[in-house]
């Protein structure tokens, strides 16, 4: 008898998939924000940039692509808040969370590092201007590196908890083995992230993903790094709260069943 090779992804496979998916998300979306959001105007005076709408779509589309490409290997988290939210909901082992989170942070950092490398060979002042503007980092307050709309710390905290919780609740709903629809899960999740960005970019440049926030802050300078804690702590809080809420509302403990001979199973 010959052994049949296992088709189950190894731990290494899963970690590489998480790193690749987070890389795609950060490279594609932050690249859009830095290269294309405010590209300038054409000869007729019309804007050539993609603006907030284009950036929001970039986040949703890259996440969607990553889920369909590598979600079957790792589950397609690409976000520490999603990983902890799934663990809180009982869908993912807590012991595996640290490895996933490290892989996500590494993948995101590689994404922004490659953007920097492209910028080095761009116009003479492109990279310095991108870093002077915070490198698409998240922020709050009305300073040069703060909220695009001038929203304060309280608004950023509420937004990150609330929007991350909504995001994770949608993920848990559409991926439910009994009630979800796996064929459209990536589409639903990607569109949800797009809507979240459309609503919250003016508040704090939208995190809902600590790996994304870390990836941009490391090149954004002292001020984005000083505010980074908000965009690590509160998306994680929102993700965990969503996991607990989903588990309490939609994943009730299985009750024992009575068999015909009267025994409880």
Protein backbone atom coordinates (compact mmCIF):
# COMPACT_ATOMS: atom_id res chain seq x y z
CA UNK A 1 0.00 0.00 0.00
CA UNK A 2 1.32 3.45 -0.91
CA UNK A 3 0.76 6.51 1.19
CA UNK A 4 -1.48 9.18 -0.31
CA UNK A 5 0.04 12.64 0.10
CA UNK A 6 -1.98 14.92 2.35
CA UNK A 7 -3.78 17.81 0.68
CA UNK A 8 -4.16 19.68 3.96
CA UNK A 9 -2.09 22.89 3.95
CA UNK A 10 0.84 22.86 6.34
CA UNK A 11 1.40 25.55 8.94
CA UNK A 12 4.10 27.02 6.71
CA UNK A 13 1.66 27.09 3.77
CA UNK A 14 -0.87 28.97 5.87
CA UNK A 15 1.62 31.53 7.16
CA UNK A 16 2.96 32.21 3.67
CA UNK A 17 -0.61 32.63 2.40
CA UNK A 18 -1.36 35.13 5.18
CA UNK A 19 1.80 37.08 4.40
CA UNK A 20 1.03 37.13 0.67
CA UNK A 21 -2.56 38.19 1.17
CA UNK A 22 -1.63 41.01 3.53
CA UNK A 23 1.14 42.07 1.17
CA UNK A 24 -1.35 42.27 -1.71
CA UNK A 25 -3.82 44.24 0.39
CA UNK A 26 -1.24 46.78 1.60
CA UNK A 27 0.77 47.09 -1.60
CA UNK A 28 -2.28 47.52 -3.81
CA UNK A 29 -4.31 49.82 -1.58
CA UNK A 30 -1.56 51.97 -0.10
CA UNK A 31 0.08 52.13 -3.52
CA UNK A 32 -3.20 53.48 -4.88
CA UNK A 33 -3.40 56.02 -2.06
CA UNK A 34 0.16 57.27 -2.59
CA UNK A 35 0.58 57.00 -6.36
CA UNK A 36 -2.90 57.60 -7.74
CA UNK A 37 -5.27 59.24 -5.22
CA UNK A 38 -4.18 62.79 -6.08
CA UNK A 39 -2.29 62.36 -9.32
CA UNK A 40 -3.03 65.81 -10.67
CA UNK A 41 -5.13 67.33 -13.44
CA UNK A 42 -5.23 66.83 -17.17
CA UNK A 43 -5.11 69.41 -19.94
CA UNK A 44 -8.85 70.05 -19.65
CA UNK A 45 -8.54 70.67 -15.91
CA UNK A 46 -10.17 67.38 -14.96
CA UNK A 47 -8.70 65.36 -12.10
CA UNK A 48 -6.55 62.39 -13.04
CA UNK A 49 -6.50 61.03 -9.50
CA UNK A 50 -8.79 58.30 -8.18
CA UNK A 51 -9.61 60.10 -4.92
CA UNK A 52 -11.25 58.57 -1.84
CA UNK A 53 -13.53 56.38 -3.94
CA UNK A 54 -10.62 54.86 -5.82
CA UNK A 55 -8.68 54.18 -2.63
CA UNK A 56 -11.73 52.59 -0.98
CA UNK A 57 -12.21 50.36 -4.02
CA UNK A 58 -8.53 49.43 -3.98
CA UNK A 59 -8.84 48.14 -0.41
CA UNK A 60 -11.95 46.12 -1.23
CA UNK A 61 -10.69 44.71 -4.53
CA UNK A 62 -7.27 43.67 -3.23
CA UNK A 63 -8.86 41.97 -0.22
CA UNK A 64 -11.32 40.19 -2.49
CA UNK A 65 -8.51 38.99 -4.75
CA UNK A 66 -6.47 37.77 -1.80
CA UNK A 67 -9.40 35.82 -0.36
CA UNK A 68 -10.09 34.04 -3.64
CA UNK A 69 -6.38 33.40 -4.24
CA UNK A 70 -5.25 32.20 -0.80
CA UNK A 71 -8.33 31.99 1.39
CA UNK A 72 -8.61 28.27 0.71
CA UNK A 73 -5.15 27.79 2.22
CA UNK A 74 -5.15 29.97 5.33
CA UNK A 75 -8.72 31.16 5.69
CA UNK A 76 -7.90 34.56 4.23
CA UNK A 77 -7.63 36.65 7.40
CA UNK A 78 -4.94 39.15 6.29
CA UNK A 79 -5.71 41.21 9.39
CA UNK A 80 -4.87 40.66 13.09
CA UNK A 81 -8.31 41.96 14.13
CA UNK A 82 -9.97 39.31 11.95
CA UNK A 83 -7.72 36.59 13.35
CA UNK A 84 -8.57 37.47 16.95
CA UNK A 85 -12.24 37.96 16.09
CA UNK A 86 -12.42 34.48 14.58
CA UNK A 87 -10.66 33.07 17.64
CA UNK A 88 -13.12 34.82 19.95
CA UNK A 89 -15.99 33.34 17.93
CA UNK A 90 -14.55 29.84 18.29
CA UNK A 91 -13.70 29.57 14.60
CA UNK A 92 -9.92 29.67 14.97
CA UNK A 93 -7.46 28.28 17.51
CA UNK A 94 -6.02 30.89 19.87
CA UNK A 95 -2.69 29.07 19.82
CA UNK A 96 -2.34 29.71 16.08
CA UNK A 97 -3.10 33.43 16.31
CA UNK A 98 0.45 34.70 17.09
CA UNK A 99 1.92 33.06 13.99
CA UNK A 100 -0.81 34.47 11.77
CA UNK A 101 -0.40 37.97 13.21
CA UNK A 102 3.38 37.94 12.72
CA UNK A 103 2.95 36.77 9.12
CA UNK A 104 0.40 39.54 8.48
CA UNK A 105 2.66 42.23 9.91
CA UNK A 106 5.60 40.99 7.84
CA UNK A 107 3.51 40.88 4.66
CA UNK A 108 2.23 44.41 5.21
CA UNK A 109 5.70 45.76 5.92
CA UNK A 110 7.04 44.17 2.74
CA UNK A 111 4.24 45.90 0.84
CA UNK A 112 5.15 49.41 2.00
CA UNK A 113 8.87 48.68 1.67
CA UNK A 114 8.40 47.89 -2.01
CA UNK A 115 6.42 51.13 -2.42
CA UNK A 116 9.40 52.97 -0.92
CA UNK A 117 11.75 51.20 -3.35
CA UNK A 118 9.60 52.29 -6.28
CA UNK A 119 9.55 55.82 -4.88
CA UNK A 120 13.34 55.94 -4.72
CA UNK A 121 13.41 55.74 -8.52
CA UNK A 122 10.54 58.19 -8.97
CA UNK A 123 10.60 61.99 -9.20
CA UNK A 124 13.25 63.54 -7.00
CA UNK A 125 10.82 64.77 -4.35
CA UNK A 126 8.14 62.05 -4.51
CA UNK A 127 9.36 59.91 -1.62
CA UNK A 128 10.20 62.83 0.65
CA UNK A 129 6.77 64.36 0.03
CA UNK A 130 5.02 61.05 0.64
CA UNK A 131 6.81 60.65 3.96
CA UNK A 132 6.25 64.29 4.86
CA UNK A 133 2.53 63.66 4.36
CA UNK A 134 2.58 60.65 6.69
CA UNK A 135 2.82 57.94 4.01
CA UNK A 136 -0.96 57.29 4.08
CA UNK A 137 -0.78 56.52 7.81
CA UNK A 138 -3.76 56.61 10.12
CA UNK A 139 -4.16 59.57 12.43
CA UNK A 140 -6.45 61.70 14.56
CA UNK A 141 -6.58 65.38 15.47
CA UNK A 142 -6.12 68.39 13.24
CA UNK A 143 -2.32 68.32 12.87
CA UNK A 144 -0.41 67.77 9.65
CA UNK A 145 -0.36 64.00 10.28
CA UNK A 146 -3.80 63.74 11.87
CA UNK A 147 -7.34 63.09 10.71
CA UNK A 148 -8.13 64.10 7.10
CA UNK A 149 -11.34 65.68 8.41
CA UNK A 150 -9.97 67.01 11.71
CA UNK A 151 -11.66 64.38 13.92
CA UNK A 152 -10.23 63.85 17.40
CA UNK A 153 -9.05 60.87 19.41
CA UNK A 154 -12.52 59.94 20.66
CA UNK A 155 -13.89 59.77 17.12
CA UNK A 156 -10.99 57.57 16.00
CA UNK A 157 -11.51 55.17 18.91
CA UNK A 158 -15.25 54.84 18.32
CA UNK A 159 -14.81 54.49 14.57
CA UNK A 160 -12.14 51.80 14.83
CA UNK A 161 -14.07 49.70 17.35
CA UNK A 162 -17.38 50.07 15.52
CA UNK A 163 -16.23 49.63 11.93
CA UNK A 164 -13.94 46.72 12.80
CA UNK A 165 -16.76 45.01 14.69
CA UNK A 166 -19.09 45.44 11.71
CA UNK A 167 -16.41 44.07 9.39
CA UNK A 168 -15.76 40.99 11.50
CA UNK A 169 -19.49 40.34 12.01
CA UNK A 170 -19.97 40.32 8.25
CA UNK A 171 -17.03 37.94 7.82
CA UNK A 172 -18.40 35.58 10.45
CA UNK A 173 -21.85 35.69 8.89
CA UNK A 174 -20.93 35.04 5.27
CA UNK A 175 -18.45 32.28 6.16
CA UNK A 176 -20.83 30.38 8.43
CA UNK A 177 -20.68 26.73 7.36
CA UNK A 178 -24.45 26.22 7.68
CA UNK A 179 -25.92 29.59 6.71
CA UNK A 180 -23.21 31.36 4.72
CA UNK A 181 -22.50 31.26 0.99
CA UNK A 182 -18.83 30.49 0.39
CA UNK A 183 -19.06 31.29 -3.32
CA UNK A 184 -19.75 34.97 -2.69
CA UNK A 185 -17.96 35.36 0.65
CA UNK A 186 -14.95 37.11 -0.88
CA UNK A 187 -17.20 39.50 -2.79
CA UNK A 188 -19.27 40.34 0.29
CA UNK A 189 -16.20 40.87 2.46
CA UNK A 190 -14.42 43.00 -0.13
CA UNK A 191 -17.45 45.21 -0.69
CA UNK A 192 -17.91 45.63 3.05
CA UNK A 193 -14.33 46.85 3.39
CA UNK A 194 -14.93 49.26 0.51
CA UNK A 195 -18.00 50.74 2.22
CA UNK A 196 -16.11 51.03 5.51
CA UNK A 197 -13.39 53.04 3.80
CA UNK A 198 -15.90 55.26 2.00
CA UNK A 199 -17.43 56.13 5.36
CA UNK A 200 -14.35 56.44 7.53
CA UNK A 201 -11.39 57.70 5.47
CA UNK A 202 -12.26 61.29 6.50
CA UNK A 203 -12.28 60.29 10.17
CA UNK A 204 -8.85 58.71 10.60
CA UNK A 205 -7.78 57.42 7.18
CA UNK A 206 -9.37 54.07 8.08
CA UNK A 207 -7.44 51.31 9.77
CA UNK A 208 -9.66 48.37 10.87
CA UNK A 209 -6.42 46.44 10.35
CA UNK A 210 -3.38 46.84 12.64
CA UNK A 211 -1.06 45.25 10.03
CA UNK A 212 -2.00 47.97 7.54
CA UNK A 213 -1.46 50.68 10.17
CA UNK A 214 1.94 49.35 11.22
CA UNK A 215 3.04 49.01 7.58
CA UNK A 216 2.45 52.69 6.82
CA UNK A 217 3.52 54.14 10.18
CA UNK A 218 7.03 52.69 9.93
CA UNK A 219 7.63 55.00 6.96
CA UNK A 220 5.38 57.84 8.07
CA UNK A 221 7.64 59.32 10.72
CA UNK A 222 7.46 60.09 14.43
CA UNK A 223 3.91 61.45 14.57
CA UNK A 224 2.19 58.47 12.92
CA UNK A 225 4.24 56.14 15.11
CA UNK A 226 3.18 58.08 18.21
CA UNK A 227 -0.49 57.62 17.29
CA UNK A 228 -0.10 54.02 16.12
CA UNK A 229 -1.26 52.52 19.43
CA UNK A 230 -4.83 53.65 18.71
CA UNK A 231 -4.86 51.74 15.43
CA UNK A 232 -3.47 48.61 17.01
CA UNK A 233 -5.53 48.46 20.20
CA UNK A 234 -9.00 49.48 19.08
CA UNK A 235 -9.33 47.43 15.89
CA UNK A 236 -8.34 44.41 17.99
CA UNK A 237 -10.96 45.37 20.59
CA UNK A 238 -13.59 45.68 17.87
CA UNK A 239 -12.66 42.34 16.34
CA UNK A 240 -12.77 40.47 19.65
CA UNK A 241 -16.08 42.07 20.67
CA UNK A 242 -17.58 41.07 17.32
CA UNK A 243 -16.36 37.50 17.78
CA UNK A 244 -17.92 37.24 21.23
CA UNK A 245 -21.16 38.82 20.03
CA UNK A 246 -21.45 36.51 17.04
CA UNK A 247 -20.75 33.48 19.19
CA UNK A 248 -23.39 34.50 21.74
CA UNK A 249 -26.08 35.30 19.16
CA UNK A 250 -25.51 32.88 16.31
CA UNK A 251 -23.35 30.02 17.57
CA UNK A 252 -25.32 28.64 20.53
CA UNK A 253 -23.93 25.74 22.49
CA UNK A 254 -25.20 22.48 21.07
CA UNK A 255 -27.82 20.93 23.34
CA UNK A 256 -27.64 17.22 24.15
CA UNK A 257 -29.95 15.02 22.04
CA UNK A 258 -32.10 12.24 23.49
CA UNK A 259 -31.77 8.94 21.69
CA UNK A 260 -34.63 6.43 21.33
CA UNK A 261 -33.28 4.25 24.13
CA UNK A 262 -33.42 7.22 26.48
CA UNK A 263 -29.71 7.97 26.71
CA UNK A 264 -28.31 11.47 26.44
CA UNK A 265 -25.69 12.03 23.74
